Amino acid sequence: MTKPDANIDSDAPVILVADGGLPQALPPSADPIADWLDLMDVVEALCPEWPVPEPPRPGWVYRL
């Protein structure tokens, strides 16, 4: 049985996500509310209807 890192060359550079070639932050937006509404459109497209809630069960304690 070989060790999991036995095939890794010790001289190879370590690749991190930061080295993936993508910018680390999104450019600032002029309207954060429009960005939020765009995000809500995506959420609604992924889950167009709410899941059915469980009925209340006797004996459970509902407190805030």
C-alpha atoms as a PDB file:
ATOM      1  CA  MET A   1       0.000   0.000   0.000  1.00  0.00           C
ATOM      2  CA  THR A   2       1.387   3.399  -0.929  1.00  0.00           C
ATOM      3  CA  LYS A   3       0.991   6.630   0.942  1.00  0.00           C
ATOM      4  CA  PRO A   4      -1.539   9.057  -0.587  1.00  0.00           C
ATOM      5  CA  ASP A   5       1.128  11.665  -1.338  1.00  0.00           C
ATOM      6  CA  ALA A   6       3.763   9.185  -2.563  1.00  0.00           C
ATOM      7  CA  ASN A   7       3.072  10.132  -6.201  1.00  0.00           C
ATOM      8  CA  ILE A   8       3.416  13.879  -5.603  1.00  0.00           C
ATOM      9  CA  ASP A   9       6.714  15.402  -6.676  1.00  0.00           C
ATOM     10  CA  SER A  10       8.157  17.283  -3.706  1.00  0.00           C
ATOM     11  CA  ASP A  11       9.676  19.893  -6.050  1.00  0.00           C
ATOM     12  CA  ALA A  12       6.366  20.656  -7.784  1.00  0.00           C
ATOM     13  CA  PRO A  13       4.848  24.052  -6.941  1.00  0.00           C
ATOM     14  CA  VAL A  14       1.775  24.077  -4.742  1.00  0.00           C
ATOM     15  CA  ILE A  15      -1.228  25.386  -6.665  1.00  0.00           C
ATOM     16  CA  LEU A  16      -3.652  27.417  -4.620  1.00  0.00           C
ATOM     17  CA  VAL A  17      -7.047  28.754  -5.561  1.00  0.00           C
ATOM     18  CA  ALA A  18      -5.601  32.263  -5.562  1.00  0.00           C
ATOM     19  CA  ASP A  19      -3.316  31.192  -8.409  1.00  0.00           C
ATOM     20  CA  GLY A  20      -6.248  30.097 -10.583  1.00  0.00           C
ATOM     21  CA  GLY A  21      -6.125  33.218 -12.719  1.00  0.00           C
ATOM     22  CA  LEU A  22      -9.453  34.674 -11.591  1.00  0.00           C
ATOM     23  CA  PRO A  23      -9.743  38.018  -9.802  1.00  0.00           C
ATOM     24  CA  GLN A  24     -10.194  37.754  -6.056  1.00  0.00           C
ATOM     25  CA  ALA A  25     -13.031  40.271  -5.771  1.00  0.00           C
ATOM     26  CA  LEU A  26     -15.884  41.452  -7.910  1.00  0.00           C
ATOM     27  CA  PRO A  27     -15.737  45.048  -9.094  1.00  0.00           C
ATOM     28  CA  PRO A  28     -17.863  47.395  -6.999  1.00  0.00           C
ATOM     29  CA  SER A  29     -21.396  47.834  -8.230  1.00  0.00           C
ATOM     30  CA  ALA A  30     -23.237  51.106  -8.641  1.00  0.00           C
ATOM     31  CA  ASP A  31     -26.462  49.704  -7.192  1.00  0.00           C
ATOM     32  CA  PRO A  32     -26.294  46.979  -4.504  1.00  0.00           C
ATOM     33  CA  ILE A  33     -30.101  46.667  -4.467  1.00  0.00           C
ATOM     34  CA  ALA A  34     -30.101  45.727  -8.177  1.00  0.00           C
ATOM     35  CA  ASP A  35     -27.398  43.139  -7.438  1.00  0.00           C
ATOM     36  CA  TRP A  36     -29.517  41.694  -4.636  1.00  0.00           C
ATOM     37  CA  LEU A  37     -32.583  41.533  -6.893  1.00  0.00           C
ATOM     38  CA  ASP A  38     -30.503  39.727  -9.544  1.00  0.00           C
ATOM     39  CA  LEU A  39     -29.443  37.228  -6.890  1.00  0.00           C
ATOM     40  CA  MET A  40     -33.057  36.685  -5.842  1.00  0.00           C
ATOM     41  CA  ASP A  41     -33.971  36.018  -9.501  1.00  0.00           C
ATOM     42  CA  VAL A  42     -31.324  33.295  -9.584  1.00  0.00           C
ATOM     43  CA  VAL A  43     -32.579  31.789  -6.306  1.00  0.00           C
ATOM     44  CA  GLU A  44     -36.143  31.776  -7.623  1.00  0.00           C
ATOM     45  CA  ALA A  45     -35.013  30.122 -10.870  1.00  0.00           C
ATOM     46  CA  LEU A  46     -33.240  27.386  -8.900  1.00  0.00           C
ATOM     47  CA  CYS A  47     -36.150  26.826  -6.495  1.00  0.00           C
ATOM     48  CA  PRO A  48     -39.350  28.191  -8.073  1.00  0.00           C
ATOM     49  CA  GLU A  49     -41.649  27.087  -5.247  1.00  0.00           C
ATOM     50  CA  TRP A  50     -41.202  26.832  -1.521  1.00  0.00           C
ATOM     51  CA  PRO A  51     -40.910  23.351  -0.001  1.00  0.00           C
ATOM     52  CA  VAL A  52     -43.939  22.156   1.936  1.00  0.00           C
ATOM     53  CA  PRO A  53     -43.408  22.875   5.639  1.00  0.00           C
ATOM     54  CA  GLU A  54     -43.774  20.104   8.167  1.00  0.00           C
ATOM     55  CA  PRO A  55     -47.014  20.245  10.167  1.00  0.00           C
ATOM     56  CA  PRO A  56     -46.629  21.201  13.830  1.00  0.00           C
ATOM     57  CA  ARG A  57     -46.082  18.179  16.007  1.00  0.00           C
ATOM     58  CA  PRO A  58     -47.713  17.840  19.404  1.00  0.00           C
ATOM     59  CA  GLY A  59     -45.307  18.014  22.273  1.00  0.00           C
ATOM     60  CA  TRP A  60     -42.785  20.225  20.510  1.00  0.00           C
ATOM     61  CA  VAL A  61     -41.924  23.477  22.222  1.00  0.00           C
ATOM     62  CA  TYR A  62     -42.019  26.526  19.942  1.00  0.00           C
ATOM     63  CA  ARG A  63     -40.273  29.447  21.579  1.00  0.00           C
ATOM     64  CA  LEU A  64     -38.324  32.370  20.266  1.00  0.00           C
END
